[in-house]
Every structure is written in structure tokens, then in C-alpha cells.
Amino acid sequence: MPKWNQYSTWPVSGEIDIMESRGNRHLVNTSTGVNIGVQQVGSSLHWGPHPFYNRYPYAHYEKESLKGYNVEFHNYQLEWTSNYIKFSIDDVMTGIAVPPEGGFWELGELNKTGLDNPYKRASKMAPFDQEFYIIFNTAVGGQNGYFPDKKEATNSPRDKPWSNNAGDATTAFWKGREQWLPTWNIGTDDSHLQIDYVKVWAI
């Protein structure tokens, strides 16, 4: 997240997710058969004038590993210049966002919406032309679709206990704790997001 909301509140001032994942061992997309739990990680940029116009699909990159990203440490890398933002895992590029002269506003095709451009007086890298906090994230819930509903994904041994369009999702999640809490192996490092080190270079 940005150190300062220079352009306004989220997502106008941007968000950089170097690594985001789901900790489920057996969460499978029913249409593709891909394990979207521990065998998949993603990197994303978020920006736009309003949450409904969050343009992260234009800079969202995923990578799969049959071995699973939970087995050993990996290098999640970000190269951030005045012309592009590149994501890599273990020195292999997973995606690169290169804004045109119209900046990220044009990259996200927001120039076709008729909306006011909050970055029009800034560089083409806006909103990614300010200081950001580094994000490494293991998600555990939410209703934004990151954890698909039962028809879209199956989780073994039990499906998730809430629906993305339910008004009582938080309550349903807590009431279902006997299903998911034992799988967290509390008291061990098994379910923890573990970071060995973080290094930052200015180039």
C-alpha cells in the first residue's frame, strides 16, 4: 500500500502485491482443474478512480507449481523503474506492466470511460510514482471472489463455510471454525507465512 494516499483513497493511490496466495492445500478451480491454493501465487498492481474501476486485471500475473509454494522458500522479486514494473519468481519473469504515454490510466483503458483522470498532472507511472509498503500476503477469507464459491472451486476435505454474496459471511465463517481451525495446525509453523529475508536495492 502507498505510504501516503497521494491521489486519494484505495485504489486511486495504488497497491503493489509482490506475492499473494491462498494457504489451502486442496483448493481446486472446478473449470480448469488447477490447484489455486498452495500451488499458485499471484502478483498484482491495483489502481483506478474507484473500487468498481480497479484495473488489477490489466496487471495481474499468476504462476503455478505442482510441488507447491509451501514446501520451500522462493525469491519473489519486483523490479520497479521509471518505465515499467516487473514481477519475477526465482529469477523467472511472471509479468511486466509497461504503461504507454497515457500512463496507467491508458493501460487500464480508463481513457475510454469518460471519467476524470486523477493522474493527469503526474508522470506516466502514477500512481506508482510514490513510496509504497511491501506486501506479501496469504489470504484467509473475504467476499471479493478471491476465494470462489462452491460451484467454482472445491476445497478438500470440506468446502468453505460462507458464500461471497451472503450478508452473514463473517458469522458463517466463524460458525464453521470446527471445519477449518484444525487444519491451521495452531502451535506449529505449518500454517504460517514465513519470510526468510527482504532485500531492497536502489538501481
N, C-alpha and C. Protein backbone atom coordinates (compact mmCIF):
# COMPACT_ATOMS: atom_id res chain seq x y z
N MET A 1 0.85 -1.19 0.00
CA MET A 1 0.00 0.00 0.00
C MET A 1 0.89 1.25 0.00
N PRO A 2 0.37 2.37 -0.53
CA PRO A 2 1.18 3.58 -0.56
C PRO A 2 1.44 4.12 0.85
N LYS A 3 2.62 4.69 1.03
CA LYS A 3 2.93 5.30 2.32
C LYS A 3 1.99 6.46 2.58
N TRP A 4 1.69 7.21 1.53
CA TRP A 4 0.73 8.31 1.61
C TRP A 4 -0.29 8.13 0.49
N ASN A 5 -1.54 8.42 0.76
CA ASN A 5 -2.56 8.36 -0.28
C ASN A 5 -2.48 9.64 -1.11
N GLN A 6 -1.47 9.70 -1.95
CA GLN A 6 -1.16 10.93 -2.69
C GLN A 6 -2.28 11.34 -3.64
N TYR A 7 -2.99 10.34 -4.19
CA TYR A 7 -4.00 10.65 -5.20
C TYR A 7 -5.43 10.49 -4.69
N SER A 8 -5.62 9.89 -3.56
CA SER A 8 -6.91 9.68 -2.91
C SER A 8 -6.90 8.30 -2.27
N THR A 9 -8.06 7.85 -1.83
CA THR A 9 -8.14 6.57 -1.14
C THR A 9 -8.09 5.41 -2.14
N TRP A 10 -8.01 4.19 -1.61
CA TRP A 10 -7.88 2.98 -2.43
C TRP A 10 -9.04 2.86 -3.41
N PRO A 11 -8.76 2.47 -4.65
CA PRO A 11 -7.46 2.10 -5.21
C PRO A 11 -6.77 3.22 -5.98
N VAL A 12 -7.24 4.47 -5.80
CA VAL A 12 -6.72 5.57 -6.61
C VAL A 12 -5.22 5.74 -6.43
N SER A 13 -4.75 5.60 -5.20
CA SER A 13 -3.32 5.77 -4.94
C SER A 13 -2.51 4.50 -5.14
N GLY A 14 -3.18 3.43 -5.57
CA GLY A 14 -2.47 2.22 -5.96
C GLY A 14 -2.22 1.22 -4.85
N GLU A 15 -1.83 0.04 -5.27
CA GLU A 15 -1.42 -1.04 -4.38
C GLU A 15 -0.50 -1.96 -5.17
N ILE A 16 0.58 -2.40 -4.54
CA ILE A 16 1.52 -3.33 -5.17
C ILE A 16 1.57 -4.60 -4.34
N ASP A 17 1.12 -5.71 -4.91
CA ASP A 17 1.18 -7.01 -4.25
C ASP A 17 2.31 -7.81 -4.89
N ILE A 18 3.43 -7.92 -4.20
CA ILE A 18 4.54 -8.70 -4.74
C ILE A 18 4.19 -10.18 -4.78
N MET A 19 3.53 -10.65 -3.72
CA MET A 19 3.11 -12.05 -3.68
C MET A 19 1.82 -12.15 -2.89
N GLU A 20 0.84 -12.83 -3.47
CA GLU A 20 -0.41 -13.11 -2.77
C GLU A 20 -0.77 -14.56 -3.04
N SER A 21 -1.23 -15.24 -2.00
CA SER A 21 -1.55 -16.66 -2.16
C SER A 21 -2.68 -17.06 -1.23
N ARG A 22 -3.19 -18.25 -1.46
CA ARG A 22 -4.16 -18.89 -0.57
C ARG A 22 -3.46 -20.07 0.08
N GLY A 23 -3.68 -20.27 1.36
CA GLY A 23 -2.95 -21.31 2.08
C GLY A 23 -3.56 -22.70 1.99
N ASN A 24 -4.66 -22.85 1.27
CA ASN A 24 -5.34 -24.15 1.20
C ASN A 24 -4.53 -25.16 0.39
N ARG A 25 -4.40 -26.36 0.91
CA ARG A 25 -3.64 -27.39 0.19
C ARG A 25 -4.43 -28.00 -0.96
N HIS A 26 -5.76 -28.02 -0.85
CA HIS A 26 -6.55 -28.75 -1.85
C HIS A 26 -7.70 -27.90 -2.38
N LEU A 27 -7.42 -26.65 -2.71
CA LEU A 27 -8.42 -25.76 -3.29
C LEU A 27 -8.25 -25.79 -4.81
N VAL A 28 -9.26 -26.32 -5.51
CA VAL A 28 -9.13 -26.58 -6.95
C VAL A 28 -10.22 -25.85 -7.72
N ASN A 29 -9.82 -25.14 -8.76
CA ASN A 29 -10.76 -24.49 -9.67
C ASN A 29 -11.48 -25.58 -10.47
N THR A 30 -12.80 -25.62 -10.37
CA THR A 30 -13.55 -26.72 -10.98
C THR A 30 -13.54 -26.67 -12.50
N SER A 31 -13.39 -25.50 -13.10
CA SER A 31 -13.43 -25.41 -14.56
C SER A 31 -12.08 -25.72 -15.20
N THR A 32 -10.98 -25.43 -14.49
CA THR A 32 -9.66 -25.64 -15.07
C THR A 32 -8.91 -26.82 -14.46
N GLY A 33 -9.33 -27.24 -13.27
CA GLY A 33 -8.62 -28.31 -12.58
C GLY A 33 -7.33 -27.86 -11.92
N VAL A 34 -7.08 -26.55 -11.92
CA VAL A 34 -5.84 -26.01 -11.35
C VAL A 34 -6.00 -25.84 -9.84
N ASN A 35 -4.98 -26.26 -9.10
CA ASN A 35 -4.93 -26.02 -7.67
C ASN A 35 -4.60 -24.55 -7.46
N ILE A 36 -5.57 -23.79 -6.94
CA ILE A 36 -5.36 -22.36 -6.74
C ILE A 36 -5.03 -22.05 -5.29
N GLY A 37 -4.69 -23.11 -4.54
CA GLY A 37 -4.24 -22.94 -3.16
C GLY A 37 -2.74 -22.79 -3.12
N VAL A 38 -2.07 -23.72 -2.43
CA VAL A 38 -0.62 -23.60 -2.23
C VAL A 38 0.18 -23.80 -3.50
N GLN A 39 -0.46 -24.26 -4.57
CA GLN A 39 0.26 -24.47 -5.83
C GLN A 39 0.21 -23.25 -6.76
N GLN A 40 -0.37 -22.16 -6.29
CA GLN A 40 -0.47 -20.97 -7.15
C GLN A 40 -0.18 -19.71 -6.33
N VAL A 41 0.58 -18.81 -6.91
CA VAL A 41 0.78 -17.49 -6.31
C VAL A 41 0.53 -16.44 -7.38
N GLY A 42 0.25 -15.24 -6.93
CA GLY A 42 -0.02 -14.15 -7.86
C GLY A 42 0.69 -12.88 -7.46
N SER A 43 0.86 -12.00 -8.44
CA SER A 43 1.40 -10.66 -8.22
C SER A 43 0.47 -9.68 -8.93
N SER A 44 0.23 -8.53 -8.32
CA SER A 44 -0.76 -7.62 -8.89
C SER A 44 -0.42 -6.16 -8.63
N LEU A 45 -0.92 -5.33 -9.53
CA LEU A 45 -0.99 -3.89 -9.31
C LEU A 45 -2.46 -3.51 -9.27
N HIS A 46 -2.82 -2.66 -8.34
CA HIS A 46 -4.20 -2.15 -8.25
C HIS A 46 -4.18 -0.64 -8.45
N TRP A 47 -5.07 -0.15 -9.29
CA TRP A 47 -5.22 1.29 -9.48
C TRP A 47 -6.56 1.57 -10.15
N GLY A 48 -6.95 2.81 -10.15
CA GLY A 48 -8.20 3.21 -10.78
C GLY A 48 -8.91 4.27 -9.96
N PRO A 49 -9.93 4.92 -10.52
CA PRO A 49 -10.58 6.04 -9.84
C PRO A 49 -11.60 5.64 -8.78
N HIS A 50 -11.93 4.35 -8.72
CA HIS A 50 -12.99 3.89 -7.81
C HIS A 50 -12.86 2.37 -7.69
N PRO A 51 -13.26 1.78 -6.55
CA PRO A 51 -13.18 0.31 -6.44
C PRO A 51 -13.85 -0.44 -7.59
N PHE A 52 -14.92 0.11 -8.14
CA PHE A 52 -15.58 -0.55 -9.27
C PHE A 52 -14.74 -0.48 -10.54
N TYR A 53 -13.77 0.42 -10.56
CA TYR A 53 -12.88 0.56 -11.71
C TYR A 53 -11.45 0.18 -11.33
N ASN A 54 -11.32 -0.76 -10.41
CA ASN A 54 -10.00 -1.28 -10.05
C ASN A 54 -9.45 -2.06 -11.25
N ARG A 55 -8.31 -1.63 -11.80
CA ARG A 55 -7.81 -2.20 -13.05
C ARG A 55 -6.78 -3.30 -12.86
N TYR A 56 -6.80 -3.98 -11.72
CA TYR A 56 -5.80 -5.01 -11.48
C TYR A 56 -5.79 -6.13 -12.53
N PRO A 57 -6.92 -6.45 -13.21
CA PRO A 57 -6.81 -7.50 -14.24
C PRO A 57 -5.82 -7.15 -15.36
N TYR A 58 -5.50 -5.87 -15.51
CA TYR A 58 -4.55 -5.46 -16.55
C TYR A 58 -3.10 -5.65 -16.10
N ALA A 59 -2.90 -5.95 -14.83
CA ALA A 59 -1.54 -6.16 -14.32
C ALA A 59 -1.58 -7.19 -13.20
N HIS A 60 -2.17 -8.33 -13.51
CA HIS A 60 -2.25 -9.44 -12.55
C HIS A 60 -1.62 -10.66 -13.19
N TYR A 61 -0.68 -11.27 -12.47
CA TYR A 61 0.09 -12.38 -13.04
C TYR A 61 0.11 -13.54 -12.06
N GLU A 62 -0.10 -14.74 -12.58
CA GLU A 62 -0.12 -15.94 -11.73
C GLU A 62 0.89 -16.96 -12.22
N LYS A 63 1.36 -17.77 -11.29
CA LYS A 63 2.29 -18.84 -11.64
C LYS A 63 1.97 -20.06 -10.78
N GLU A 64 2.01 -21.24 -11.41
CA GLU A 64 1.71 -22.48 -10.70
C GLU A 64 2.97 -23.30 -10.46
N SER A 65 2.93 -24.07 -9.40
CA SER A 65 4.00 -25.02 -9.08
C SER A 65 3.35 -26.29 -8.53
N LEU A 66 3.52 -27.40 -9.24
CA LEU A 66 2.92 -28.66 -8.78
C LEU A 66 3.49 -29.08 -7.44
N LYS A 67 4.72 -28.70 -7.19
CA LYS A 67 5.35 -29.03 -5.90
C LYS A 67 4.70 -28.26 -4.76
N GLY A 68 4.24 -27.06 -5.08
CA GLY A 68 3.63 -26.20 -4.06
C GLY A 68 4.61 -25.17 -3.55
N TYR A 69 4.11 -23.96 -3.37
CA TYR A 69 4.96 -22.88 -2.87
C TYR A 69 5.12 -22.93 -1.35
N ASN A 70 4.44 -23.87 -0.72
CA ASN A 70 4.52 -24.02 0.73
C ASN A 70 5.64 -24.95 1.17
N VAL A 71 6.34 -25.56 0.23
CA VAL A 71 7.34 -26.59 0.56
C VAL A 71 8.69 -25.99 0.92
N GLU A 72 9.08 -24.93 0.22
CA GLU A 72 10.39 -24.33 0.45
C GLU A 72 10.33 -22.84 0.15
N PHE A 73 11.39 -22.13 0.51
CA PHE A 73 11.45 -20.69 0.27
C PHE A 73 11.64 -20.40 -1.22
N HIS A 74 11.10 -19.25 -1.65
CA HIS A 74 11.26 -18.78 -3.02
C HIS A 74 11.62 -17.30 -2.99
N ASN A 75 12.22 -16.83 -4.08
CA ASN A 75 12.52 -15.41 -4.23
C ASN A 75 11.40 -14.75 -5.02
N TYR A 76 10.66 -13.88 -4.37
CA TYR A 76 9.61 -13.10 -5.03
C TYR A 76 10.18 -11.72 -5.29
N GLN A 77 10.27 -11.35 -6.56
CA GLN A 77 11.06 -10.18 -6.93
C GLN A 77 10.23 -9.12 -7.65
N LEU A 78 10.57 -7.88 -7.38
CA LEU A 78 9.93 -6.73 -8.01
C LEU A 78 11.02 -5.81 -8.55
N GLU A 79 10.95 -5.50 -9.83
CA GLU A 79 11.84 -4.51 -10.45
C GLU A 79 10.98 -3.33 -10.86
N TRP A 80 11.26 -2.19 -10.26
CA TRP A 80 10.39 -1.02 -10.38
C TRP A 80 11.21 0.15 -10.90
N THR A 81 10.95 0.56 -12.12
CA THR A 81 11.71 1.63 -12.75
C THR A 81 10.78 2.77 -13.14
N SER A 82 11.33 3.77 -13.79
CA SER A 82 10.52 4.91 -14.24
C SER A 82 9.74 4.59 -15.51
N ASN A 83 9.89 3.36 -16.02
CA ASN A 83 9.20 2.97 -17.25
C ASN A 83 8.36 1.70 -17.14
N TYR A 84 8.62 0.88 -16.13
CA TYR A 84 7.87 -0.38 -16.02
C TYR A 84 7.96 -0.93 -14.60
N ILE A 85 7.08 -1.89 -14.32
CA ILE A 85 7.11 -2.66 -13.08
C ILE A 85 7.09 -4.13 -13.48
N LYS A 86 8.11 -4.86 -13.06
CA LYS A 86 8.25 -6.27 -13.45
C LYS A 86 8.25 -7.17 -12.22
N PHE A 87 7.50 -8.26 -12.31
CA PHE A 87 7.45 -9.26 -11.24
C PHE A 87 8.16 -10.53 -11.70
N SER A 88 8.89 -11.16 -10.78
CA SER A 88 9.58 -12.42 -11.07
C SER A 88 9.52 -13.32 -9.86
N ILE A 89 9.64 -14.62 -10.12
CA ILE A 89 9.79 -15.61 -9.05
C ILE A 89 11.02 -16.45 -9.37
N ASP A 90 11.95 -16.46 -8.45
CA ASP A 90 13.20 -17.22 -8.64
C ASP A 90 13.87 -16.85 -9.96
N ASP A 91 13.93 -15.56 -10.23
CA ASP A 91 14.61 -15.00 -11.42
C ASP A 91 13.90 -15.29 -12.74
N VAL A 92 12.67 -15.77 -12.69
CA VAL A 92 11.88 -16.00 -13.91
C VAL A 92 10.72 -15.00 -13.92
N MET A 93 10.66 -14.18 -14.95
CA MET A 93 9.63 -13.15 -15.01
C MET A 93 8.24 -13.77 -15.11
N THR A 94 7.34 -13.28 -14.29
CA THR A 94 5.95 -13.73 -14.35
C THR A 94 5.05 -12.70 -15.03
N GLY A 95 5.48 -11.44 -15.06
CA GLY A 95 4.70 -10.42 -15.73
C GLY A 95 5.36 -9.06 -15.65
N ILE A 96 5.02 -8.21 -16.61
CA ILE A 96 5.58 -6.86 -16.62
C ILE A 96 4.50 -5.88 -17.08
N ALA A 97 4.39 -4.78 -16.37
CA ALA A 97 3.44 -3.72 -16.71
C ALA A 97 4.22 -2.53 -17.25
N VAL A 98 3.98 -2.21 -18.53
CA VAL A 98 4.69 -1.12 -19.19
C VAL A 98 3.65 -0.09 -19.64
N PRO A 99 3.47 0.98 -18.89
CA PRO A 99 2.44 1.95 -19.27
C PRO A 99 2.84 2.73 -20.52
N PRO A 100 1.89 3.00 -21.41
CA PRO A 100 2.16 3.84 -22.58
C PRO A 100 2.27 5.30 -22.15
N GLU A 101 2.33 6.19 -23.12
CA GLU A 101 2.47 7.61 -22.80
C GLU A 101 1.31 8.13 -21.97
N GLY A 102 0.15 7.51 -22.13
CA GLY A 102 -1.02 7.91 -21.34
C GLY A 102 -1.03 7.32 -19.94
N GLY A 103 0.05 6.64 -19.58
CA GLY A 103 0.22 6.12 -18.23
C GLY A 103 -0.66 4.93 -17.91
N PHE A 104 -0.76 4.64 -16.63
CA PHE A 104 -1.58 3.52 -16.19
C PHE A 104 -3.06 3.79 -16.45
N TRP A 105 -3.42 5.05 -16.58
CA TRP A 105 -4.80 5.38 -16.94
C TRP A 105 -5.13 4.79 -18.31
N GLU A 106 -4.22 4.94 -19.25
CA GLU A 106 -4.42 4.39 -20.59
C GLU A 106 -4.23 2.87 -20.59
N LEU A 107 -3.25 2.38 -19.84
CA LEU A 107 -3.01 0.94 -19.78
C LEU A 107 -4.26 0.19 -19.34
N GLY A 108 -4.98 0.78 -18.39
CA GLY A 108 -6.21 0.17 -17.90
C GLY A 108 -7.44 0.53 -18.72
N GLU A 109 -7.23 1.18 -19.86
CA GLU A 109 -8.31 1.60 -20.77
C GLU A 109 -9.33 2.50 -20.09
N LEU A 110 -8.87 3.22 -19.08
CA LEU A 110 -9.76 4.15 -18.40
C LEU A 110 -10.00 5.41 -19.23
N ASN A 111 -9.14 5.63 -20.23
CA ASN A 111 -9.32 6.77 -21.13
C ASN A 111 -10.57 6.62 -21.99
N LYS A 112 -11.16 5.43 -21.99
CA LYS A 112 -12.38 5.18 -22.77
C LYS A 112 -13.65 5.33 -21.94
N THR A 113 -13.49 5.65 -20.65
CA THR A 113 -14.65 5.68 -19.75
C THR A 113 -15.30 7.05 -19.63
N GLY A 114 -14.57 8.11 -19.97
CA GLY A 114 -15.09 9.45 -19.77
C GLY A 114 -14.93 9.97 -18.36
N LEU A 115 -14.29 9.18 -17.50
CA LEU A 115 -14.08 9.58 -16.11
C LEU A 115 -12.90 10.54 -16.01
N ASP A 116 -12.88 11.32 -14.94
CA ASP A 116 -11.78 12.26 -14.72
C ASP A 116 -10.53 11.50 -14.30
N ASN A 117 -9.41 11.85 -14.89
CA ASN A 117 -8.14 11.18 -14.63
C ASN A 117 -7.42 11.85 -13.47
N PRO A 118 -7.32 11.18 -12.31
CA PRO A 118 -6.63 11.80 -11.17
C PRO A 118 -5.12 11.86 -11.34
N TYR A 119 -4.60 11.20 -12.38
CA TYR A 119 -3.15 11.17 -12.60
C TYR A 119 -2.71 12.11 -13.73
N LYS A 120 -3.61 12.93 -14.23
CA LYS A 120 -3.34 13.70 -15.45
C LYS A 120 -2.20 14.70 -15.30
N ARG A 121 -1.89 15.12 -14.10
CA ARG A 121 -0.79 16.06 -13.89
C ARG A 121 0.46 15.37 -13.35
N ALA A 122 0.45 14.05 -13.36
CA ALA A 122 1.57 13.28 -12.81
C ALA A 122 2.31 12.55 -13.93
N SER A 123 3.31 11.79 -13.56
CA SER A 123 4.08 11.03 -14.54
C SER A 123 3.28 9.84 -15.05
N LYS A 124 3.77 9.21 -16.10
CA LYS A 124 3.05 8.07 -16.66
C LYS A 124 3.04 6.88 -15.70
N MET A 125 3.90 6.89 -14.69
CA MET A 125 3.94 5.79 -13.73
C MET A 125 2.94 5.97 -12.60
N ALA A 126 2.27 7.12 -12.54
CA ALA A 126 1.29 7.35 -11.48
C ALA A 126 0.16 6.31 -11.54
N PRO A 127 -0.28 5.79 -10.41
CA PRO A 127 0.06 6.22 -9.05
C PRO A 127 1.31 5.57 -8.47
N PHE A 128 2.04 4.82 -9.31
CA PHE A 128 3.22 4.10 -8.81
C PHE A 128 4.48 4.96 -8.94
N ASP A 129 4.34 6.20 -8.52
CA ASP A 129 5.46 7.14 -8.54
C ASP A 129 5.64 7.75 -7.16
N GLN A 130 5.36 6.95 -6.15
CA GLN A 130 5.46 7.39 -4.76
C GLN A 130 5.96 6.21 -3.92
N GLU A 131 6.21 6.45 -2.65
CA GLU A 131 6.69 5.38 -1.77
C GLU A 131 5.56 4.41 -1.44
N PHE A 132 5.90 3.11 -1.43
CA PHE A 132 4.93 2.07 -1.10
C PHE A 132 5.48 1.15 -0.03
N TYR A 133 4.57 0.57 0.73
CA TYR A 133 4.92 -0.52 1.63
C TYR A 133 4.91 -1.83 0.84
N ILE A 134 5.81 -2.72 1.19
CA ILE A 134 5.91 -4.01 0.50
C ILE A 134 4.85 -4.96 1.04
N ILE A 135 4.13 -5.63 0.13
CA ILE A 135 3.07 -6.56 0.54
C ILE A 135 3.41 -7.98 0.11
N PHE A 136 3.46 -8.88 1.10
CA PHE A 136 3.47 -10.33 0.89
C PHE A 136 2.26 -10.84 1.67
N ASN A 137 1.39 -11.58 1.03
CA ASN A 137 0.08 -11.82 1.62
C ASN A 137 -0.38 -13.26 1.44
N THR A 138 -0.76 -13.89 2.55
CA THR A 138 -1.51 -15.15 2.48
C THR A 138 -2.93 -14.83 2.91
N ALA A 139 -3.87 -14.93 1.98
CA ALA A 139 -5.26 -14.57 2.26
C ALA A 139 -5.98 -15.71 2.98
N VAL A 140 -6.94 -15.36 3.82
CA VAL A 140 -7.69 -16.38 4.56
C VAL A 140 -9.20 -16.25 4.38
N GLY A 141 -9.67 -15.23 3.70
CA GLY A 141 -11.12 -15.08 3.57
C GLY A 141 -11.47 -13.95 2.62
N GLY A 142 -12.65 -13.38 2.83
CA GLY A 142 -13.11 -12.27 2.00
C GLY A 142 -14.26 -12.67 1.10
N GLN A 143 -14.91 -11.65 0.53
CA GLN A 143 -16.06 -11.86 -0.35
C GLN A 143 -15.87 -11.23 -1.72
N ASN A 144 -14.63 -10.97 -2.10
CA ASN A 144 -14.37 -10.31 -3.39
C ASN A 144 -14.17 -11.30 -4.52
N GLY A 145 -14.36 -12.59 -4.26
CA GLY A 145 -14.21 -13.60 -5.29
C GLY A 145 -12.85 -14.27 -5.31
N TYR A 146 -11.92 -13.77 -4.50
CA TYR A 146 -10.59 -14.40 -4.47
C TYR A 146 -10.68 -15.85 -3.99
N PHE A 147 -11.61 -16.10 -3.07
CA PHE A 147 -11.97 -17.47 -2.70
C PHE A 147 -13.30 -17.78 -3.38
N PRO A 148 -13.27 -18.54 -4.48
CA PRO A 148 -14.51 -18.79 -5.23
C PRO A 148 -15.53 -19.58 -4.42
N ASP A 149 -16.80 -19.43 -4.79
CA ASP A 149 -17.85 -20.22 -4.16
C ASP A 149 -17.79 -21.67 -4.63
N LYS A 150 -18.62 -22.52 -4.04
CA LYS A 150 -18.53 -23.97 -4.23
C LYS A 150 -18.64 -24.40 -5.69
N LYS A 151 -19.48 -23.74 -6.47
CA LYS A 151 -19.65 -24.14 -7.87
C LYS A 151 -18.39 -23.87 -8.69
N GLU A 152 -17.57 -22.92 -8.24
CA GLU A 152 -16.39 -22.52 -9.00
C GLU A 152 -15.11 -23.17 -8.50
N ALA A 153 -15.12 -23.64 -7.25
CA ALA A 153 -13.93 -24.27 -6.69
C ALA A 153 -14.31 -25.22 -5.58
N THR A 154 -13.58 -26.30 -5.46
CA THR A 154 -13.79 -27.26 -4.38
C THR A 154 -12.59 -27.26 -3.46
N ASN A 155 -12.87 -27.41 -2.18
CA ASN A 155 -11.80 -27.45 -1.18
C ASN A 155 -11.94 -28.74 -0.38
N SER A 156 -10.90 -29.53 -0.36
CA SER A 156 -10.92 -30.80 0.36
C SER A 156 -10.22 -30.65 1.70
N PRO A 157 -10.74 -31.24 2.78
CA PRO A 157 -11.86 -32.18 2.81
C PRO A 157 -13.24 -31.52 2.91
N ARG A 158 -13.30 -30.18 3.13
CA ARG A 158 -14.60 -29.52 3.24
C ARG A 158 -14.58 -28.22 2.45
N ASP A 159 -15.73 -27.87 1.87
CA ASP A 159 -15.84 -26.60 1.16
C ASP A 159 -15.87 -25.44 2.14
N LYS A 160 -15.64 -24.25 1.63
CA LYS A 160 -15.63 -23.08 2.52
C LYS A 160 -17.02 -22.86 3.10
N PRO A 161 -17.10 -22.38 4.33
CA PRO A 161 -18.38 -22.28 5.03
C PRO A 161 -19.14 -20.98 4.82
N TRP A 162 -18.78 -20.18 3.83
CA TRP A 162 -19.52 -18.95 3.58
C TRP A 162 -19.71 -18.75 2.08
N SER A 163 -20.62 -17.84 1.75
CA SER A 163 -20.89 -17.51 0.35
C SER A 163 -20.45 -16.07 0.09
N ASN A 164 -19.95 -15.82 -1.11
CA ASN A 164 -19.45 -14.49 -1.42
C ASN A 164 -20.54 -13.42 -1.49
N ASN A 165 -21.78 -13.83 -1.70
CA ASN A 165 -22.85 -12.84 -1.77
C ASN A 165 -23.74 -12.85 -0.54
N ALA A 166 -23.30 -13.52 0.52
CA ALA A 166 -24.09 -13.61 1.74
C ALA A 166 -23.86 -12.39 2.63
N GLY A 167 -24.91 -12.01 3.33
CA GLY A 167 -24.79 -10.88 4.25
C GLY A 167 -24.19 -11.27 5.59
N ASP A 168 -24.11 -12.57 5.85
CA ASP A 168 -23.60 -13.03 7.14
C ASP A 168 -22.33 -13.87 6.97
N ALA A 169 -21.50 -13.50 6.00
CA ALA A 169 -20.32 -14.30 5.68
C ALA A 169 -19.37 -14.44 6.87
N THR A 170 -19.16 -13.35 7.59
CA THR A 170 -18.25 -13.40 8.74
C THR A 170 -18.77 -14.35 9.80
N THR A 171 -20.07 -14.28 10.06
CA THR A 171 -20.67 -15.18 11.05
C THR A 171 -20.59 -16.63 10.59
N ALA A 172 -20.87 -16.86 9.31
CA ALA A 172 -20.80 -18.22 8.77
C ALA A 172 -19.38 -18.78 8.85
N PHE A 173 -18.41 -17.92 8.59
CA PHE A 173 -17.00 -18.33 8.69
C PHE A 173 -16.68 -18.78 10.11
N TRP A 174 -17.11 -17.99 11.08
CA TRP A 174 -16.80 -18.32 12.48
C TRP A 174 -17.57 -19.56 12.94
N LYS A 175 -18.81 -19.68 12.52
CA LYS A 175 -19.59 -20.86 12.91
C LYS A 175 -19.00 -22.14 12.31
N GLY A 176 -18.29 -22.01 11.21
CA GLY A 176 -17.68 -23.17 10.57
C GLY A 176 -16.27 -23.46 11.04
N ARG A 177 -15.87 -22.86 12.16
CA ARG A 177 -14.48 -22.98 12.61
C ARG A 177 -14.06 -24.42 12.94
N GLU A 178 -15.02 -25.26 13.30
CA GLU A 178 -14.66 -26.65 13.59
C GLU A 178 -14.19 -27.37 12.33
N GLN A 179 -14.56 -26.83 11.16
CA GLN A 179 -14.11 -27.41 9.89
C GLN A 179 -12.68 -26.97 9.55
N TRP A 180 -12.42 -25.65 9.69
CA TRP A 180 -11.15 -25.13 9.19
C TRP A 180 -10.08 -24.92 10.26
N LEU A 181 -10.48 -24.66 11.50
CA LEU A 181 -9.48 -24.35 12.52
C LEU A 181 -8.49 -25.50 12.75
N PRO A 182 -8.92 -26.76 12.79
CA PRO A 182 -7.94 -27.84 12.98
C PRO A 182 -6.90 -27.93 11.86
N THR A 183 -7.26 -27.46 10.65
CA THR A 183 -6.31 -27.55 9.53
C THR A 183 -5.22 -26.49 9.62
N TRP A 184 -5.39 -25.51 10.50
CA TRP A 184 -4.39 -24.45 10.63
C TRP A 184 -3.18 -24.89 11.46
N ASN A 185 -3.32 -26.03 12.14
CA ASN A 185 -2.20 -26.57 12.94
C ASN A 185 -1.59 -25.51 13.85
N ILE A 186 -2.45 -24.88 14.62
CA ILE A 186 -2.01 -23.82 15.52
C ILE A 186 -1.00 -24.38 16.52
N GLY A 187 0.03 -23.61 16.78
CA GLY A 187 1.10 -24.07 17.67
C GLY A 187 2.31 -24.57 16.92
N THR A 188 2.19 -24.63 15.58
CA THR A 188 3.32 -25.02 14.74
C THR A 188 3.56 -23.93 13.71
N ASP A 189 4.63 -24.07 12.93
CA ASP A 189 4.91 -23.13 11.85
C ASP A 189 4.24 -23.55 10.55
N ASP A 190 3.48 -24.63 10.59
CA ASP A 190 2.95 -25.24 9.37
C ASP A 190 2.03 -24.31 8.59
N SER A 191 1.26 -23.50 9.28
CA SER A 191 0.28 -22.65 8.59
C SER A 191 0.72 -21.20 8.52
N HIS A 192 1.95 -20.91 8.90
CA HIS A 192 2.41 -19.53 8.94
C HIS A 192 2.98 -19.08 7.59
N LEU A 193 2.80 -17.81 7.31
CA LEU A 193 3.53 -17.19 6.21
C LEU A 193 4.94 -16.91 6.74
N GLN A 194 5.92 -17.58 6.19
CA GLN A 194 7.30 -17.45 6.68
C GLN A 194 8.14 -16.68 5.67
N ILE A 195 8.82 -15.66 6.14
CA ILE A 195 9.70 -14.85 5.30
C ILE A 195 11.11 -14.94 5.85
N ASP A 196 12.03 -15.37 5.01
CA ASP A 196 13.42 -15.53 5.44
C ASP A 196 14.13 -14.19 5.47
N TYR A 197 13.94 -13.38 4.43
CA TYR A 197 14.57 -12.06 4.39
C TYR A 197 13.88 -11.19 3.35
N VAL A 198 14.08 -9.89 3.47
CA VAL A 198 13.62 -8.92 2.48
C VAL A 198 14.81 -8.03 2.15
N LYS A 199 15.11 -7.89 0.87
CA LYS A 199 16.22 -7.05 0.43
C LYS A 199 15.71 -6.01 -0.56
N VAL A 200 16.18 -4.79 -0.43
CA VAL A 200 15.79 -3.71 -1.33
C VAL A 200 17.05 -3.01 -1.83
N TRP A 201 17.14 -2.88 -3.15
CA TRP A 201 18.25 -2.16 -3.78
C TRP A 201 17.71 -0.98 -4.57
N ALA A 202 18.45 0.11 -4.56
CA ALA A 202 18.16 1.24 -5.45
C ALA A 202 19.06 1.10 -6.67
N ILE A 203 18.46 1.12 -7.87
CA ILE A 203 19.25 0.95 -9.09
C ILE A 203 19.05 2.13 -10.03
